[in-house]
Amino acid sequence: MSRIPTVEEFVVHGKPLEYWKNNASEDYMKTPISVLKYITTLEEASLEVAKMHVGYALKEVIEKAFIIIDGNSYEDIKLDKDSILNAYPLDNIK
């Protein structure tokens, strides 16, 4: 799995300086990023980063989830919940 950027990395490093200059509501020479624009951009980026994490988490579940067969009938086949819950550690989200 490749590393997913943090929200701040996604926002600040994901956009060139020219973008911030063109979108800042204050003098970018004194304040590179207006606070309101920065907060709005962080909120938008948070959603994008969350979507990335959900996508990676689902892929990990597909690869790591397994079933338990405890008998000979379909009723004896169970999905191992721990394998799903532990497939994508929360430590991956920063």
PDB file of N, CA and C in Angstrom:
ATOM      1  N   MET A   1       0.838  -1.170   0.000  1.00  0.00           N
ATOM      2  CA  MET A   1       0.000   0.000   0.000  1.00  0.00           C
ATOM      3  C   MET A   1       0.885   1.236   0.000  1.00  0.00           C
ATOM      4  N   SER A   2       0.608   2.170  -0.898  1.00  0.00           N
ATOM      5  CA  SER A   2       1.379   3.408  -0.904  1.00  0.00           C
ATOM      6  C   SER A   2       0.872   4.325   0.208  1.00  0.00           C
ATOM      7  N   ARG A   3       1.714   5.250   0.604  1.00  0.00           N
ATOM      8  CA  ARG A   3       1.386   6.147   1.710  1.00  0.00           C
ATOM      9  C   ARG A   3       0.341   7.172   1.276  1.00  0.00           C
ATOM     10  N   ILE A   4      -0.672   7.371   2.115  1.00  0.00           N
ATOM     11  CA  ILE A   4      -1.686   8.383   1.869  1.00  0.00           C
ATOM     12  C   ILE A   4      -1.230   9.666   2.555  1.00  0.00           C
ATOM     13  N   PRO A   5      -1.300  10.807   1.875  1.00  0.00           N
ATOM     14  CA  PRO A   5      -0.844  12.046   2.500  1.00  0.00           C
ATOM     15  C   PRO A   5      -1.775  12.479   3.634  1.00  0.00           C
ATOM     16  N   THR A   6      -1.226  13.255   4.567  1.00  0.00           N
ATOM     17  CA  THR A   6      -2.077  13.860   5.586  1.00  0.00           C
ATOM     18  C   THR A   6      -2.903  14.948   4.915  1.00  0.00           C
ATOM     19  N   VAL A   7      -3.931  15.424   5.600  1.00  0.00           N
ATOM     20  CA  VAL A   7      -4.773  16.472   5.022  1.00  0.00           C
ATOM     21  C   VAL A   7      -3.939  17.704   4.699  1.00  0.00           C
ATOM     22  N   GLU A   8      -3.071  18.101   5.627  1.00  0.00           N
ATOM     23  CA  GLU A   8      -2.265  19.296   5.392  1.00  0.00           C
ATOM     24  C   GLU A   8      -1.313  19.105   4.213  1.00  0.00           C
ATOM     25  N   GLU A   9      -0.697  17.942   4.103  1.00  0.00           N
ATOM     26  CA  GLU A   9       0.171  17.675   2.954  1.00  0.00           C
ATOM     27  C   GLU A   9      -0.636  17.712   1.664  1.00  0.00           C
ATOM     28  N   PHE A  10      -1.822  17.168   1.709  1.00  0.00           N
ATOM     29  CA  PHE A  10      -2.687  17.119   0.533  1.00  0.00           C
ATOM     30  C   PHE A  10      -3.046  18.524   0.069  1.00  0.00           C
ATOM     31  N   VAL A  11      -3.307  19.414   1.026  1.00  0.00           N
ATOM     32  CA  VAL A  11      -3.720  20.772   0.691  1.00  0.00           C
ATOM     33  C   VAL A  11      -2.546  21.645   0.285  1.00  0.00           C
ATOM     34  N   VAL A  12      -1.594  21.815   1.190  1.00  0.00           N
ATOM     35  CA  VAL A  12      -0.514  22.767   0.964  1.00  0.00           C
ATOM     36  C   VAL A  12       0.435  22.272  -0.118  1.00  0.00           C
ATOM     37  N   HIS A  13       0.887  21.054   0.004  1.00  0.00           N
ATOM     38  CA  HIS A  13       1.863  20.538  -0.948  1.00  0.00           C
ATOM     39  C   HIS A  13       1.211  20.081  -2.247  1.00  0.00           C
ATOM     40  N   GLY A  14      -0.077  19.872  -2.202  1.00  0.00           N
ATOM     41  CA  GLY A  14      -0.782  19.439  -3.402  1.00  0.00           C
ATOM     42  C   GLY A  14      -1.081  20.564  -4.372  1.00  0.00           C
ATOM     43  N   LYS A  15      -0.943  21.800  -3.898  1.00  0.00           N
ATOM     44  CA  LYS A  15      -1.223  22.962  -4.742  1.00  0.00           C
ATOM     45  C   LYS A  15       0.036  23.811  -4.869  1.00  0.00           C
ATOM     46  N   PRO A  16       0.321  24.314  -6.060  1.00  0.00           N
ATOM     47  CA  PRO A  16       1.499  25.167  -6.230  1.00  0.00           C
ATOM     48  C   PRO A  16       1.298  26.529  -5.564  1.00  0.00           C
ATOM     49  N   LEU A  17       2.409  27.196  -5.270  1.00  0.00           N
ATOM     50  CA  LEU A  17       2.358  28.519  -4.646  1.00  0.00           C
ATOM     51  C   LEU A  17       1.505  29.480  -5.464  1.00  0.00           C
ATOM     52  N   GLU A  18       1.578  29.372  -6.764  1.00  0.00           N
ATOM     53  CA  GLU A  18       0.788  30.246  -7.637  1.00  0.00           C
ATOM     54  C   GLU A  18      -0.710  30.125  -7.356  1.00  0.00           C
ATOM     55  N   TYR A  19      -1.150  28.919  -7.054  1.00  0.00           N
ATOM     56  CA  TYR A  19      -2.561  28.701  -6.709  1.00  0.00           C
ATOM     57  C   TYR A  19      -2.935  29.539  -5.489  1.00  0.00           C
ATOM     58  N   TRP A  20      -2.087  29.486  -4.443  1.00  0.00           N
ATOM     59  CA  TRP A  20      -2.386  30.231  -3.218  1.00  0.00           C
ATOM     60  C   TRP A  20      -2.317  31.739  -3.464  1.00  0.00           C
ATOM     61  N   LYS A  21      -1.376  32.173  -4.295  1.00  0.00           N
ATOM     62  CA  LYS A  21      -1.293  33.595  -4.603  1.00  0.00           C
ATOM     63  C   LYS A  21      -2.572  34.080  -5.280  1.00  0.00           C
ATOM     64  N   ASN A  22      -3.080  33.292  -6.200  1.00  0.00           N
ATOM     65  CA  ASN A  22      -4.276  33.676  -6.953  1.00  0.00           C
ATOM     66  C   ASN A  22      -5.554  33.569  -6.136  1.00  0.00           C
ATOM     67  N   ASN A  23      -5.542  32.760  -5.085  1.00  0.00           N
ATOM     68  CA  ASN A  23      -6.759  32.524  -4.319  1.00  0.00           C
ATOM     69  C   ASN A  23      -6.741  33.121  -2.915  1.00  0.00           C
ATOM     70  N   ALA A  24      -5.685  33.813  -2.549  1.00  0.00           N
ATOM     71  CA  ALA A  24      -5.605  34.417  -1.218  1.00  0.00           C
ATOM     72  C   ALA A  24      -6.419  35.709  -1.204  1.00  0.00           C
ATOM     73  N   SER A  25      -7.153  35.932  -0.127  1.00  0.00           N
ATOM     74  CA  SER A  25      -7.950  37.153  -0.022  1.00  0.00           C
ATOM     75  C   SER A  25      -7.170  38.263   0.671  1.00  0.00           C
ATOM     76  N   GLU A  26      -5.994  37.951   1.169  1.00  0.00           N
ATOM     77  CA  GLU A  26      -5.139  38.944   1.810  1.00  0.00           C
ATOM     78  C   GLU A  26      -3.865  39.088   0.988  1.00  0.00           C
ATOM     79  N   ASP A  27      -3.055  40.040   1.332  1.00  0.00           N
ATOM     80  CA  ASP A  27      -1.799  40.254   0.636  1.00  0.00           C
ATOM     81  C   ASP A  27      -0.893  39.040   0.846  1.00  0.00           C
ATOM     82  N   TYR A  28      -0.676  38.270  -0.203  1.00  0.00           N
ATOM     83  CA  TYR A  28       0.081  37.022  -0.054  1.00  0.00           C
ATOM     84  C   TYR A  28       1.541  37.249   0.308  1.00  0.00           C
ATOM     85  N   MET A  29       2.044  38.471   0.131  1.00  0.00           N
ATOM     86  CA  MET A  29       3.424  38.738   0.529  1.00  0.00           C
ATOM     87  C   MET A  29       3.548  38.764   2.054  1.00  0.00           C
ATOM     88  N   LYS A  30       2.470  39.140   2.745  1.00  0.00           N
ATOM     89  CA  LYS A  30       2.476  39.181   4.205  1.00  0.00           C
ATOM     90  C   LYS A  30       1.824  37.926   4.795  1.00  0.00           C
ATOM     91  N   THR A  31       0.754  37.489   4.188  1.00  0.00           N
ATOM     92  CA  THR A  31       0.024  36.315   4.656  1.00  0.00           C
ATOM     93  C   THR A  31      -0.165  35.396   3.453  1.00  0.00           C
ATOM     94  N   PRO A  32       0.662  34.345   3.324  1.00  0.00           N
ATOM     95  CA  PRO A  32       0.616  33.499   2.131  1.00  0.00           C
ATOM     96  C   PRO A  32      -0.747  32.860   1.858  1.00  0.00           C
ATOM     97  N   ILE A  33      -1.462  32.505   2.907  1.00  0.00           N
ATOM     98  CA  ILE A  33      -2.749  31.853   2.722  1.00  0.00           C
ATOM     99  C   ILE A  33      -3.743  32.507   3.673  1.00  0.00           C
ATOM    100  N   SER A  34      -4.832  33.023   3.148  1.00  0.00           N
ATOM    101  CA  SER A  34      -5.813  33.611   4.052  1.00  0.00           C
ATOM    102  C   SER A  34      -6.369  32.524   4.949  1.00  0.00           C
ATOM    103  N   VAL A  35      -6.657  32.879   6.181  1.00  0.00           N
ATOM    104  CA  VAL A  35      -7.122  31.899   7.162  1.00  0.00           C
ATOM    105  C   VAL A  35      -8.433  31.268   6.712  1.00  0.00           C
ATOM    106  N   LEU A  36      -9.371  32.080   6.263  1.00  0.00           N
ATOM    107  CA  LEU A  36     -10.666  31.542   5.841  1.00  0.00           C
ATOM    108  C   LEU A  36     -10.508  30.610   4.640  1.00  0.00           C
ATOM    109  N   LYS A  37      -9.717  31.014   3.670  1.00  0.00           N
ATOM    110  CA  LYS A  37      -9.502  30.169   2.485  1.00  0.00           C
ATOM    111  C   LYS A  37      -8.793  28.882   2.890  1.00  0.00           C
ATOM    112  N   TYR A  38      -7.835  28.992   3.810  1.00  0.00           N
ATOM    113  CA  TYR A  38      -7.096  27.815   4.265  1.00  0.00           C
ATOM    114  C   TYR A  38      -8.031  26.834   4.965  1.00  0.00           C
ATOM    115  N   ILE A  39      -8.907  27.347   5.841  1.00  0.00           N
ATOM    116  CA  ILE A  39      -9.853  26.480   6.554  1.00  0.00           C
ATOM    117  C   ILE A  39     -10.810  25.817   5.565  1.00  0.00           C
ATOM    118  N   THR A  40     -11.307  26.573   4.633  1.00  0.00           N
ATOM    119  CA  THR A  40     -12.221  26.018   3.626  1.00  0.00           C
ATOM    120  C   THR A  40     -11.524  24.934   2.816  1.00  0.00           C
ATOM    121  N   THR A  41     -10.300  25.191   2.419  1.00  0.00           N
ATOM    122  CA  THR A  41      -9.544  24.219   1.637  1.00  0.00           C
ATOM    123  C   THR A  41      -9.244  22.977   2.465  1.00  0.00           C
ATOM    124  N   LEU A  42      -8.918  23.159   3.751  1.00  0.00           N
ATOM    125  CA  LEU A  42      -8.690  22.005   4.630  1.00  0.00           C
ATOM    126  C   LEU A  42      -9.944  21.140   4.748  1.00  0.00           C
ATOM    127  N   GLU A  43     -11.090  21.792   4.882  1.00  0.00           N
ATOM    128  CA  GLU A  43     -12.343  21.042   4.973  1.00  0.00           C
ATOM    129  C   GLU A  43     -12.578  20.221   3.701  1.00  0.00           C
ATOM    130  N   GLU A  44     -12.378  20.847   2.556  1.00  0.00           N
ATOM    131  CA  GLU A  44     -12.564  20.142   1.283  1.00  0.00           C
ATOM    132  C   GLU A  44     -11.559  18.998   1.141  1.00  0.00           C
ATOM    133  N   ALA A  45     -10.327  19.263   1.529  1.00  0.00           N
ATOM    134  CA  ALA A  45      -9.285  18.239   1.415  1.00  0.00           C
ATOM    135  C   ALA A  45      -9.532  17.100   2.391  1.00  0.00           C
ATOM    136  N   SER A  46     -10.087  17.412   3.546  1.00  0.00           N
ATOM    137  CA  SER A  46     -10.391  16.370   4.526  1.00  0.00           C
ATOM    138  C   SER A  46     -11.319  15.321   3.924  1.00  0.00           C
ATOM    139  N   LEU A  47     -12.290  15.777   3.181  1.00  0.00           N
ATOM    140  CA  LEU A  47     -13.204  14.840   2.526  1.00  0.00           C
ATOM    141  C   LEU A  47     -12.468  13.976   1.506  1.00  0.00           C
ATOM    142  N   GLU A  48     -11.586  14.593   0.731  1.00  0.00           N
ATOM    143  CA  GLU A  48     -10.842  13.836  -0.278  1.00  0.00           C
ATOM    144  C   GLU A  48      -9.917  12.808   0.366  1.00  0.00           C
ATOM    145  N   VAL A  49      -9.231  13.205   1.432  1.00  0.00           N
ATOM    146  CA  VAL A  49      -8.328  12.283   2.123  1.00  0.00           C
ATOM    147  C   VAL A  49      -9.135  11.157   2.775  1.00  0.00           C
ATOM    148  N   ALA A  50     -10.296  11.488   3.342  1.00  0.00           N
ATOM    149  CA  ALA A  50     -11.158  10.459   3.931  1.00  0.00           C
ATOM    150  C   ALA A  50     -11.597   9.462   2.866  1.00  0.00           C
ATOM    151  N   LYS A  51     -11.939   9.939   1.681  1.00  0.00           N
ATOM    152  CA  LYS A  51     -12.324   9.045   0.583  1.00  0.00           C
ATOM    153  C   LYS A  51     -11.164   8.123   0.205  1.00  0.00           C
ATOM    154  N   MET A  52      -9.940   8.673   0.198  1.00  0.00           N
ATOM    155  CA  MET A  52      -8.770   7.839  -0.103  1.00  0.00           C
ATOM    156  C   MET A  52      -8.619   6.736   0.939  1.00  0.00           C
ATOM    157  N   HIS A  53      -8.777   7.101   2.215  1.00  0.00           N
ATOM    158  CA  HIS A  53      -8.640   6.107   3.281  1.00  0.00           C
ATOM    159  C   HIS A  53      -9.717   5.029   3.185  1.00  0.00           C
ATOM    160  N   VAL A  54     -10.937   5.411   2.882  1.00  0.00           N
ATOM    161  CA  VAL A  54     -12.011   4.423   2.743  1.00  0.00           C
ATOM    162  C   VAL A  54     -11.682   3.472   1.597  1.00  0.00           C
ATOM    163  N   GLY A  55     -11.205   4.017   0.497  1.00  0.00           N
ATOM    164  CA  GLY A  55     -10.832   3.163  -0.640  1.00  0.00           C
ATOM    165  C   GLY A  55      -9.743   2.170  -0.275  1.00  0.00           C
ATOM    166  N   TYR A  56      -8.698   2.653   0.396  1.00  0.00           N
ATOM    167  CA  TYR A  56      -7.618   1.760   0.822  1.00  0.00           C
ATOM    168  C   TYR A  56      -8.120   0.742   1.830  1.00  0.00           C
ATOM    169  N   ALA A  57      -8.974   1.181   2.754  1.00  0.00           N
ATOM    170  CA  ALA A  57      -9.507   0.266   3.774  1.00  0.00           C
ATOM    171  C   ALA A  57     -10.319  -0.851   3.128  1.00  0.00           C
ATOM    172  N   LEU A  58     -11.151  -0.506   2.163  1.00  0.00           N
ATOM    173  CA  LEU A  58     -11.953  -1.535   1.488  1.00  0.00           C
ATOM    174  C   LEU A  58     -11.064  -2.533   0.746  1.00  0.00           C
ATOM    175  N   LYS A  59     -10.022  -2.035   0.104  1.00  0.00           N
ATOM    176  CA  LYS A  59      -9.098  -2.940  -0.584  1.00  0.00           C
ATOM    177  C   LYS A  59      -8.402  -3.872   0.401  1.00  0.00           C
ATOM    178  N   GLU A  60      -8.011  -3.337   1.550  1.00  0.00           N
ATOM    179  CA  GLU A  60      -7.357  -4.162   2.570  1.00  0.00           C
ATOM    180  C   GLU A  60      -8.309  -5.226   3.106  1.00  0.00           C
ATOM    181  N   VAL A  61      -9.574  -4.878   3.300  1.00  0.00           N
ATOM    182  CA  VAL A  61     -10.560  -5.852   3.781  1.00  0.00           C
ATOM    183  C   VAL A  61     -10.720  -6.976   2.762  1.00  0.00           C
ATOM    184  N   ILE A  62     -10.792  -6.607   1.502  1.00  0.00           N
ATOM    185  CA  ILE A  62     -10.933  -7.629   0.455  1.00  0.00           C
ATOM    186  C   ILE A  62      -9.756  -8.594   0.497  1.00  0.00           C
ATOM    187  N   GLU A  63      -8.562  -8.063   0.712  1.00  0.00           N
ATOM    188  CA  GLU A  63      -7.370  -8.907   0.723  1.00  0.00           C
ATOM    189  C   GLU A  63      -7.183  -9.683   2.019  1.00  0.00           C
ATOM    190  N   LYS A  64      -7.642  -9.135   3.154  1.00  0.00           N
ATOM    191  CA  LYS A  64      -7.307  -9.727   4.444  1.00  0.00           C
ATOM    192  C   LYS A  64      -8.452 -10.425   5.167  1.00  0.00           C
ATOM    193  N   ALA A  65      -9.682 -10.202   4.751  1.00  0.00           N
ATOM    194  CA  ALA A  65     -10.812 -10.843   5.433  1.00  0.00           C
ATOM    195  C   ALA A  65     -10.828 -12.331   5.090  1.00  0.00           C
ATOM    196  N   PHE A  66     -11.242 -13.137   6.047  1.00  0.00           N
ATOM    197  CA  PHE A  66     -11.366 -14.563   5.773  1.00  0.00           C
ATOM    198  C   PHE A  66     -12.585 -15.128   6.479  1.00  0.00           C
ATOM    199  N   ILE A  67     -12.980 -16.306   6.037  1.00  0.00           N
ATOM    200  CA  ILE A  67     -14.158 -16.958   6.607  1.00  0.00           C
ATOM    201  C   ILE A  67     -13.725 -18.107   7.505  1.00  0.00           C
ATOM    202  N   ILE A  68     -14.631 -18.460   8.392  1.00  0.00           N
ATOM    203  CA  ILE A  68     -14.413 -19.597   9.285  1.00  0.00           C
ATOM    204  C   ILE A  68     -15.453 -20.647   8.944  1.00  0.00           C
ATOM    205  N   ILE A  69     -15.010 -21.848   8.638  1.00  0.00           N
ATOM    206  CA  ILE A  69     -15.930 -22.958   8.353  1.00  0.00           C
ATOM    207  C   ILE A  69     -15.900 -23.877   9.561  1.00  0.00           C
ATOM    208  N   ASP A  70     -17.054 -23.978  10.218  1.00  0.00           N
ATOM    209  CA  ASP A  70     -17.141 -24.744  11.451  1.00  0.00           C
ATOM    210  C   ASP A  70     -18.234 -25.806  11.318  1.00  0.00           C
ATOM    211  N   GLY A  71     -18.170 -26.583  10.277  1.00  0.00           N
ATOM    212  CA  GLY A  71     -19.177 -27.614  10.037  1.00  0.00           C
ATOM    213  C   GLY A  71     -19.290 -27.912   8.557  1.00  0.00           C
ATOM    214  N   ASN A  72     -20.435 -28.488   8.185  1.00  0.00           N
ATOM    215  CA  ASN A  72     -20.621 -28.933   6.803  1.00  0.00           C
ATOM    216  C   ASN A  72     -21.732 -28.211   6.059  1.00  0.00           C
ATOM    217  N   SER A  73     -22.402 -27.249   6.687  1.00  0.00           N
ATOM    218  CA  SER A  73     -23.507 -26.566   6.006  1.00  0.00           C
ATOM    219  C   SER A  73     -23.185 -25.078   5.845  1.00  0.00           C
ATOM    220  N   TYR A  74     -24.028 -24.416   5.039  1.00  0.00           N
ATOM    221  CA  TYR A  74     -23.829 -22.983   4.818  1.00  0.00           C
ATOM    222  C   TYR A  74     -23.960 -22.180   6.111  1.00  0.00           C
ATOM    223  N   GLU A  75     -24.788 -22.662   7.037  1.00  0.00           N
ATOM    224  CA  GLU A  75     -24.956 -21.974   8.313  1.00  0.00           C
ATOM    225  C   GLU A  75     -23.674 -22.012   9.146  1.00  0.00           C
ATOM    226  N   ASP A  76     -22.788 -22.938   8.834  1.00  0.00           N
ATOM    227  CA  ASP A  76     -21.544 -23.079   9.579  1.00  0.00           C
ATOM    228  C   ASP A  76     -20.410 -22.210   9.024  1.00  0.00           C
ATOM    229  N   ILE A  77     -20.706 -21.457   7.972  1.00  0.00           N
ATOM    230  CA  ILE A  77     -19.704 -20.573   7.382  1.00  0.00           C
ATOM    231  C   ILE A  77     -19.921 -19.174   7.945  1.00  0.00           C
ATOM    232  N   LYS A  78     -18.889 -18.636   8.558  1.00  0.00           N
ATOM    233  CA  LYS A  78     -18.982 -17.317   9.185  1.00  0.00           C
ATOM    234  C   LYS A  78     -17.820 -16.449   8.737  1.00  0.00           C
ATOM    235  N   LEU A  79     -18.098 -15.184   8.624  1.00  0.00           N
ATOM    236  CA  LEU A  79     -17.055 -14.221   8.306  1.00  0.00           C
ATOM    237  C   LEU A  79     -16.331 -13.865   9.594  1.00  0.00           C
ATOM    238  N   ASP A  80     -15.027 -13.913   9.566  1.00  0.00           N
ATOM    239  CA  ASP A  80     -14.246 -13.563  10.750  1.00  0.00           C
ATOM    240  C   ASP A  80     -14.234 -12.042  10.900  1.00  0.00           C
ATOM    241  N   LYS A  81     -14.991 -11.542  11.873  1.00  0.00           N
ATOM    242  CA  LYS A  81     -15.129 -10.094  12.059  1.00  0.00           C
ATOM    243  C   LYS A  81     -13.803  -9.432  12.427  1.00  0.00           C
ATOM    244  N   ASP A  82     -12.991 -10.095  13.215  1.00  0.00           N
ATOM    245  CA  ASP A  82     -11.703  -9.503  13.599  1.00  0.00           C
ATOM    246  C   ASP A  82     -10.805  -9.266  12.392  1.00  0.00           C
ATOM    247  N   SER A  83     -10.874 -10.160  11.414  1.00  0.00           N
ATOM    248  CA  SER A  83     -10.040  -9.971  10.221  1.00  0.00           C
ATOM    249  C   SER A  83     -10.455  -8.717   9.461  1.00  0.00           C
ATOM    250  N   ILE A  84     -11.724  -8.359   9.544  1.00  0.00           N
ATOM    251  CA  ILE A  84     -12.196  -7.137   8.893  1.00  0.00           C
ATOM    252  C   ILE A  84     -11.825  -5.917   9.732  1.00  0.00           C
ATOM    253  N   LEU A  85     -12.111  -5.997  11.026  1.00  0.00           N
ATOM    254  CA  LEU A  85     -11.851  -4.851  11.901  1.00  0.00           C
ATOM    255  C   LEU A  85     -10.369  -4.509  11.991  1.00  0.00           C
ATOM    256  N   ASN A  86      -9.515  -5.490  11.811  1.00  0.00           N
ATOM    257  CA  ASN A  86      -8.072  -5.259  11.909  1.00  0.00           C
ATOM    258  C   ASN A  86      -7.380  -5.095  10.561  1.00  0.00           C
ATOM    259  N   ALA A  87      -8.136  -5.131   9.483  1.00  0.00           N
ATOM    260  CA  ALA A  87      -7.535  -5.065   8.152  1.00  0.00           C
ATOM    261  C   ALA A  87      -6.877  -3.719   7.864  1.00  0.00           C
ATOM    262  N   TYR A  88      -7.433  -2.656   8.385  1.00  0.00           N
ATOM    263  CA  TYR A  88      -6.903  -1.312   8.126  1.00  0.00           C
ATOM    264  C   TYR A  88      -6.774  -0.571   9.450  1.00  0.00           C
ATOM    265  N   PRO A  89      -5.590  -0.575  10.045  1.00  0.00           N
ATOM    266  CA  PRO A  89      -5.401   0.048  11.365  1.00  0.00           C
ATOM    267  C   PRO A  89      -5.711   1.551  11.334  1.00  0.00           C
ATOM    268  N   LEU A  90      -6.335   2.036  12.400  1.00  0.00           N
ATOM    269  CA  LEU A  90      -6.636   3.464  12.496  1.00  0.00           C
ATOM    270  C   LEU A  90      -5.378   4.316  12.543  1.00  0.00           C
ATOM    271  N   ASP A  91      -4.249   3.727  12.888  1.00  0.00           N
ATOM    272  CA  ASP A  91      -2.978   4.454  12.895  1.00  0.00           C
ATOM    273  C   ASP A  91      -2.602   4.938  11.487  1.00  0.00           C
ATOM    274  N   ASN A  92      -3.205   4.348  10.460  1.00  0.00           N
ATOM    275  CA  ASN A  92      -2.931   4.776   9.091  1.00  0.00           C
ATOM    276  C   ASN A  92      -3.517   6.162   8.793  1.00  0.00           C
ATOM    277  N   ILE A  93      -4.472   6.578   9.609  1.00  0.00           N
ATOM    278  CA  ILE A  93      -5.141   7.867   9.371  1.00  0.00           C
ATOM    279  C   ILE A  93      -4.484   8.926  10.227  1.00  0.00           C
ATOM    280  N   LYS A  94      -3.914   9.920   9.570  1.00  0.00           N
ATOM    281  CA  LYS A  94      -3.209  11.001  10.272  1.00  0.00           C
ATOM    282  C   LYS A  94      -3.686  12.337   9.798  1.00  0.00           C
TER     283      LYS A  94
END
